[in-house]
Amino acid sequence: MSTIPAVPGTTALDPAVAARLKRTADGLLPAVAQQYDTGEVLMLGWMDDEALHRTLTTGRCTYWSRSRNEYWVKGDTSGHVQLVKSVALDCDGDTLLVRVDQTGAACHTGARTCFDEDVLLAGDR
């Protein structure tokens, strides 16, 4: 069953946190997932207020799928779970950094990260 992203203020997300978020026109924030102990950038997902609330309260990353128009918890179907270690909001309030302990691949292609396959520039300049 599809749902639509939660309207700000309609979830249990702390109103003080929600007030600091600068969302896209469709109510979403980019969320960068990073391996907590190595700093490896794993993937980019999208969260609305409800996905952020679920991430903060369950300890597992919940994202909003823009293509399927539904919430998804990383690892529920693949087993490649993201256990949340910390969540930070950037200085502009428009991007989340979610530090996780990643089990297995983060990318839907089976790669460890979503950034391994198509390097546009490598090495020092």
N, C-alpha and C. Protein backbone atom coordinates (compact mmCIF):
# COMPACT_ATOMS: atom_id res chain seq x y z
N MET A 1 0.84 -1.19 0.00
CA MET A 1 0.00 0.00 0.00
C MET A 1 0.88 1.24 0.00
N SER A 2 0.65 2.14 -0.90
CA SER A 2 1.43 3.36 -0.99
C SER A 2 0.89 4.41 -0.04
N THR A 3 1.79 5.22 0.44
CA THR A 3 1.41 6.37 1.25
C THR A 3 2.10 7.57 0.66
N ILE A 4 1.78 8.73 1.16
CA ILE A 4 2.46 9.94 0.71
C ILE A 4 3.33 10.45 1.84
N PRO A 5 4.38 11.20 1.53
CA PRO A 5 5.21 11.72 2.61
C PRO A 5 4.37 12.47 3.64
N ALA A 6 4.78 12.34 4.88
CA ALA A 6 4.05 13.00 5.97
C ALA A 6 4.16 14.51 5.84
N VAL A 7 3.09 15.18 6.15
CA VAL A 7 3.07 16.63 6.19
C VAL A 7 3.75 17.07 7.48
N PRO A 8 4.64 18.07 7.43
CA PRO A 8 5.27 18.54 8.66
C PRO A 8 4.22 18.80 9.74
N GLY A 9 4.50 18.28 10.94
CA GLY A 9 3.59 18.46 12.04
C GLY A 9 2.58 17.35 12.21
N THR A 10 2.53 16.37 11.28
CA THR A 10 1.56 15.28 11.38
C THR A 10 2.20 14.00 11.91
N THR A 11 3.44 14.05 12.32
CA THR A 11 4.10 12.88 12.86
C THR A 11 4.50 13.17 14.31
N ALA A 12 5.09 12.16 14.92
CA ALA A 12 5.54 12.32 16.30
C ALA A 12 6.95 12.92 16.39
N LEU A 13 7.50 13.37 15.26
CA LEU A 13 8.82 14.01 15.29
C LEU A 13 8.76 15.22 16.21
N ASP A 14 9.76 15.35 17.04
CA ASP A 14 9.84 16.47 17.97
C ASP A 14 9.63 17.78 17.20
N PRO A 15 8.65 18.58 17.57
CA PRO A 15 8.38 19.84 16.85
C PRO A 15 9.59 20.78 16.81
N ALA A 16 10.43 20.75 17.82
CA ALA A 16 11.62 21.59 17.83
C ALA A 16 12.60 21.15 16.74
N VAL A 17 12.69 19.85 16.50
CA VAL A 17 13.53 19.33 15.41
C VAL A 17 12.88 19.65 14.08
N ALA A 18 11.60 19.38 13.95
CA ALA A 18 10.88 19.63 12.69
C ALA A 18 10.99 21.09 12.26
N ALA A 19 10.97 22.01 13.21
CA ALA A 19 11.04 23.44 12.89
C ALA A 19 12.39 23.82 12.30
N ARG A 20 13.41 23.03 12.54
CA ARG A 20 14.76 23.34 12.04
C ARG A 20 15.02 22.79 10.64
N LEU A 21 14.13 21.94 10.13
CA LEU A 21 14.35 21.28 8.85
C LEU A 21 13.94 22.16 7.68
N LYS A 22 14.80 22.21 6.67
CA LYS A 22 14.49 22.91 5.43
C LYS A 22 14.32 21.83 4.36
N ARG A 23 13.06 21.55 4.05
CA ARG A 23 12.71 20.46 3.15
C ARG A 23 12.60 20.94 1.71
N THR A 24 12.67 19.97 0.78
CA THR A 24 12.39 20.27 -0.62
C THR A 24 10.91 20.57 -0.76
N ALA A 25 10.48 20.97 -1.94
CA ALA A 25 9.07 21.29 -2.17
C ALA A 25 8.15 20.10 -1.90
N ASP A 26 8.68 18.89 -2.06
CA ASP A 26 7.87 17.70 -1.79
C ASP A 26 8.03 17.18 -0.36
N GLY A 27 8.64 17.99 0.52
CA GLY A 27 8.71 17.66 1.94
C GLY A 27 9.83 16.74 2.35
N LEU A 28 10.84 16.60 1.51
CA LEU A 28 11.92 15.65 1.77
C LEU A 28 13.23 16.34 2.09
N LEU A 29 14.11 15.57 2.76
CA LEU A 29 15.49 15.98 3.03
C LEU A 29 16.42 14.88 2.53
N PRO A 30 17.54 15.24 1.89
CA PRO A 30 18.52 14.21 1.57
C PRO A 30 19.19 13.72 2.85
N ALA A 31 19.41 12.41 2.91
CA ALA A 31 20.06 11.81 4.07
C ALA A 31 21.25 10.99 3.59
N VAL A 32 22.45 11.44 3.93
CA VAL A 32 23.68 10.75 3.55
C VAL A 32 23.97 9.70 4.63
N ALA A 33 24.11 8.45 4.20
CA ALA A 33 24.47 7.38 5.12
C ALA A 33 25.98 7.16 5.05
N GLN A 34 26.63 7.16 6.20
CA GLN A 34 28.07 7.05 6.31
C GLN A 34 28.41 5.96 7.32
N GLN A 35 29.38 5.11 6.99
CA GLN A 35 29.85 4.09 7.93
C GLN A 35 30.49 4.80 9.12
N TYR A 36 29.99 4.50 10.31
CA TYR A 36 30.37 5.27 11.50
C TYR A 36 31.84 5.16 11.87
N ASP A 37 32.49 4.01 11.64
CA ASP A 37 33.87 3.84 12.12
C ASP A 37 34.94 4.12 11.07
N THR A 38 34.59 4.11 9.79
CA THR A 38 35.58 4.35 8.75
C THR A 38 35.37 5.67 8.01
N GLY A 39 34.17 6.24 8.12
CA GLY A 39 33.86 7.46 7.38
C GLY A 39 33.44 7.22 5.95
N GLU A 40 33.39 5.97 5.53
CA GLU A 40 33.01 5.62 4.16
C GLU A 40 31.58 6.11 3.87
N VAL A 41 31.41 6.85 2.78
CA VAL A 41 30.09 7.31 2.37
C VAL A 41 29.41 6.15 1.64
N LEU A 42 28.25 5.76 2.13
CA LEU A 42 27.58 4.56 1.63
C LEU A 42 26.51 4.85 0.59
N MET A 43 25.64 5.77 0.88
CA MET A 43 24.51 6.02 -0.01
C MET A 43 23.83 7.33 0.35
N LEU A 44 22.91 7.73 -0.52
CA LEU A 44 22.04 8.87 -0.29
C LEU A 44 20.61 8.37 -0.38
N GLY A 45 19.82 8.68 0.65
CA GLY A 45 18.40 8.37 0.63
C GLY A 45 17.63 9.63 0.96
N TRP A 46 16.31 9.52 0.97
CA TRP A 46 15.46 10.67 1.24
C TRP A 46 14.59 10.39 2.45
N MET A 47 14.42 11.37 3.30
CA MET A 47 13.57 11.26 4.49
C MET A 47 12.62 12.43 4.56
N ASP A 48 11.41 12.14 5.00
CA ASP A 48 10.49 13.18 5.41
C ASP A 48 10.45 13.17 6.94
N ASP A 49 9.56 13.93 7.53
CA ASP A 49 9.51 14.00 8.99
C ASP A 49 9.26 12.64 9.63
N GLU A 50 8.35 11.86 9.04
CA GLU A 50 8.02 10.56 9.60
C GLU A 50 9.19 9.58 9.47
N ALA A 51 9.86 9.57 8.33
CA ALA A 51 11.01 8.69 8.15
C ALA A 51 12.11 9.04 9.16
N LEU A 52 12.32 10.34 9.38
CA LEU A 52 13.31 10.76 10.36
C LEU A 52 12.89 10.32 11.76
N HIS A 53 11.62 10.51 12.09
CA HIS A 53 11.12 10.07 13.39
C HIS A 53 11.35 8.57 13.58
N ARG A 54 11.02 7.78 12.59
CA ARG A 54 11.21 6.32 12.68
C ARG A 54 12.68 5.97 12.83
N THR A 55 13.54 6.66 12.10
CA THR A 55 14.98 6.43 12.18
C THR A 55 15.50 6.73 13.58
N LEU A 56 15.06 7.86 14.14
CA LEU A 56 15.52 8.27 15.47
C LEU A 56 15.00 7.35 16.57
N THR A 57 13.82 6.80 16.39
CA THR A 57 13.21 6.02 17.48
C THR A 57 13.43 4.52 17.38
N THR A 58 13.71 4.00 16.18
CA THR A 58 13.89 2.55 16.03
C THR A 58 15.35 2.13 15.99
N GLY A 59 16.24 3.08 15.65
CA GLY A 59 17.65 2.73 15.51
C GLY A 59 17.99 2.07 14.19
N ARG A 60 17.03 2.04 13.26
CA ARG A 60 17.23 1.53 11.90
C ARG A 60 16.84 2.61 10.92
N CYS A 61 17.58 2.72 9.83
CA CYS A 61 17.30 3.76 8.84
C CYS A 61 16.01 3.47 8.09
N THR A 62 15.12 4.46 8.12
CA THR A 62 13.89 4.43 7.33
C THR A 62 13.97 5.56 6.32
N TYR A 63 13.69 5.24 5.08
CA TYR A 63 13.75 6.22 4.00
C TYR A 63 12.39 6.31 3.32
N TRP A 64 12.22 7.39 2.54
CA TRP A 64 11.05 7.54 1.68
C TRP A 64 11.49 7.22 0.26
N SER A 65 10.84 6.26 -0.37
CA SER A 65 11.14 5.91 -1.75
C SER A 65 10.36 6.84 -2.68
N ARG A 66 11.07 7.64 -3.43
CA ARG A 66 10.41 8.55 -4.36
C ARG A 66 9.83 7.81 -5.54
N SER A 67 10.41 6.67 -5.92
CA SER A 67 9.90 5.91 -7.07
C SER A 67 8.69 5.05 -6.70
N ARG A 68 8.66 4.52 -5.47
CA ARG A 68 7.56 3.65 -5.05
C ARG A 68 6.52 4.38 -4.19
N ASN A 69 6.85 5.62 -3.79
CA ASN A 69 5.96 6.41 -2.93
C ASN A 69 5.58 5.66 -1.66
N GLU A 70 6.61 5.14 -0.97
CA GLU A 70 6.37 4.44 0.29
C GLU A 70 7.63 4.47 1.15
N TYR A 71 7.44 4.22 2.44
CA TYR A 71 8.58 4.12 3.35
C TYR A 71 9.24 2.77 3.16
N TRP A 72 10.56 2.74 3.39
CA TRP A 72 11.27 1.46 3.39
C TRP A 72 12.36 1.51 4.45
N VAL A 73 12.53 0.42 5.12
CA VAL A 73 13.55 0.29 6.15
C VAL A 73 14.71 -0.47 5.53
N LYS A 74 15.87 0.15 5.52
CA LYS A 74 17.04 -0.46 4.89
C LYS A 74 17.31 -1.81 5.52
N GLY A 75 17.34 -2.84 4.68
CA GLY A 75 17.66 -4.18 5.13
C GLY A 75 16.47 -5.09 5.35
N ASP A 76 15.24 -4.55 5.32
CA ASP A 76 14.08 -5.41 5.56
C ASP A 76 13.95 -6.51 4.51
N THR A 77 14.28 -6.22 3.26
CA THR A 77 14.20 -7.27 2.24
C THR A 77 15.56 -7.86 1.89
N SER A 78 16.61 -7.07 1.96
CA SER A 78 17.95 -7.54 1.56
C SER A 78 18.74 -8.16 2.70
N GLY A 79 18.40 -7.79 3.93
CA GLY A 79 19.20 -8.20 5.08
C GLY A 79 20.40 -7.29 5.31
N HIS A 80 20.59 -6.29 4.46
CA HIS A 80 21.71 -5.35 4.56
C HIS A 80 21.29 -4.16 5.42
N VAL A 81 21.26 -4.39 6.70
CA VAL A 81 20.71 -3.47 7.69
C VAL A 81 21.67 -2.31 7.97
N GLN A 82 21.07 -1.15 8.25
CA GLN A 82 21.82 0.01 8.73
C GLN A 82 21.38 0.28 10.16
N LEU A 83 22.28 0.03 11.11
CA LEU A 83 22.02 0.34 12.51
C LEU A 83 22.53 1.75 12.78
N VAL A 84 21.66 2.61 13.26
CA VAL A 84 21.98 4.03 13.44
C VAL A 84 22.87 4.23 14.66
N LYS A 85 23.98 4.93 14.45
CA LYS A 85 24.87 5.33 15.54
C LYS A 85 24.66 6.79 15.93
N SER A 86 24.41 7.66 14.94
CA SER A 86 24.13 9.07 15.21
C SER A 86 23.44 9.68 14.00
N VAL A 87 22.73 10.79 14.26
CA VAL A 87 22.08 11.55 13.19
C VAL A 87 22.40 13.01 13.44
N ALA A 88 22.87 13.70 12.41
CA ALA A 88 23.22 15.11 12.52
C ALA A 88 22.57 15.89 11.39
N LEU A 89 22.20 17.12 11.70
CA LEU A 89 21.65 18.05 10.73
C LEU A 89 22.75 19.01 10.33
N ASP A 90 22.88 19.29 9.03
CA ASP A 90 23.94 20.20 8.60
C ASP A 90 23.62 21.64 9.00
N CYS A 91 24.58 22.53 8.78
CA CYS A 91 24.48 23.91 9.24
C CYS A 91 23.33 24.67 8.60
N ASP A 92 22.90 24.25 7.41
CA ASP A 92 21.79 24.92 6.72
C ASP A 92 20.43 24.30 7.06
N GLY A 93 20.43 23.15 7.72
CA GLY A 93 19.19 22.49 8.07
C GLY A 93 18.53 21.77 6.91
N ASP A 94 19.30 21.54 5.83
CA ASP A 94 18.68 20.92 4.66
C ASP A 94 19.25 19.56 4.26
N THR A 95 20.14 19.00 5.06
CA THR A 95 20.71 17.69 4.79
C THR A 95 21.00 16.98 6.11
N LEU A 96 20.73 15.68 6.11
CA LEU A 96 21.01 14.85 7.28
C LEU A 96 22.24 13.99 7.02
N LEU A 97 23.04 13.79 8.06
CA LEU A 97 24.14 12.84 8.02
C LEU A 97 23.79 11.75 9.04
N VAL A 98 23.61 10.54 8.52
CA VAL A 98 23.26 9.41 9.37
C VAL A 98 24.46 8.48 9.42
N ARG A 99 25.10 8.41 10.58
CA ARG A 99 26.24 7.52 10.77
C ARG A 99 25.70 6.17 11.21
N VAL A 100 26.06 5.13 10.46
CA VAL A 100 25.46 3.81 10.65
C VAL A 100 26.53 2.73 10.74
N ASP A 101 26.11 1.58 11.24
CA ASP A 101 26.91 0.36 11.11
C ASP A 101 26.20 -0.46 10.04
N GLN A 102 26.80 -0.50 8.86
CA GLN A 102 26.22 -1.14 7.68
C GLN A 102 26.56 -2.62 7.67
N THR A 103 25.54 -3.47 7.51
CA THR A 103 25.74 -4.90 7.31
C THR A 103 25.63 -5.17 5.82
N GLY A 104 26.68 -5.71 5.21
CA GLY A 104 26.62 -6.03 3.78
C GLY A 104 26.63 -4.80 2.90
N ALA A 105 26.04 -4.96 1.71
CA ALA A 105 26.03 -3.91 0.70
C ALA A 105 25.04 -2.80 1.07
N ALA A 106 25.42 -1.58 0.78
CA ALA A 106 24.50 -0.46 0.96
C ALA A 106 23.74 -0.17 -0.33
N CYS A 107 24.35 -0.46 -1.46
CA CYS A 107 23.76 -0.15 -2.76
C CYS A 107 22.82 -1.26 -3.22
N HIS A 108 21.75 -0.87 -3.90
CA HIS A 108 20.80 -1.85 -4.43
C HIS A 108 21.42 -2.75 -5.50
N THR A 109 22.58 -2.34 -6.05
CA THR A 109 23.25 -3.15 -7.07
C THR A 109 24.07 -4.28 -6.45
N GLY A 110 24.23 -4.23 -5.12
CA GLY A 110 25.05 -5.23 -4.43
C GLY A 110 26.44 -4.73 -4.09
N ALA A 111 26.77 -3.51 -4.52
CA ALA A 111 28.07 -2.92 -4.19
C ALA A 111 28.07 -2.43 -2.74
N ARG A 112 29.24 -2.37 -2.15
CA ARG A 112 29.35 -1.89 -0.77
C ARG A 112 28.78 -0.50 -0.62
N THR A 113 29.11 0.41 -1.55
CA THR A 113 28.57 1.76 -1.54
C THR A 113 27.96 2.08 -2.90
N CYS A 114 27.19 3.13 -2.94
CA CYS A 114 26.60 3.57 -4.21
C CYS A 114 27.59 4.39 -5.03
N PHE A 115 28.80 4.57 -4.50
CA PHE A 115 29.76 5.45 -5.15
C PHE A 115 31.01 4.73 -5.63
N ASP A 116 30.98 3.40 -5.73
CA ASP A 116 32.15 2.63 -6.16
C ASP A 116 32.25 2.43 -7.67
N GLU A 117 31.15 2.45 -8.36
CA GLU A 117 31.11 1.97 -9.74
C GLU A 117 31.38 3.01 -10.81
N ASP A 118 31.12 4.27 -10.56
CA ASP A 118 31.17 5.28 -11.61
C ASP A 118 31.99 6.49 -11.17
N VAL A 119 33.29 6.28 -11.00
CA VAL A 119 34.19 7.34 -10.53
C VAL A 119 34.48 8.29 -11.69
N LEU A 120 34.18 9.56 -11.51
CA LEU A 120 34.39 10.56 -12.56
C LEU A 120 35.78 11.17 -12.51
N LEU A 121 36.36 11.22 -11.32
CA LEU A 121 37.70 11.76 -11.14
C LEU A 121 38.32 11.05 -9.95
N ALA A 122 39.50 10.52 -10.13
CA ALA A 122 40.15 9.79 -9.04
C ALA A 122 41.55 10.34 -8.81
N GLY A 123 42.02 10.25 -7.58
CA GLY A 123 43.38 10.64 -7.25
C GLY A 123 43.55 12.13 -7.03
N ASP A 124 44.78 12.49 -6.74
CA ASP A 124 45.12 13.89 -6.51
C ASP A 124 45.26 14.62 -7.83
N ARG A 125 44.95 15.89 -7.80
CA ARG A 125 45.08 16.70 -9.02
C ARG A 125 46.39 17.43 -9.02
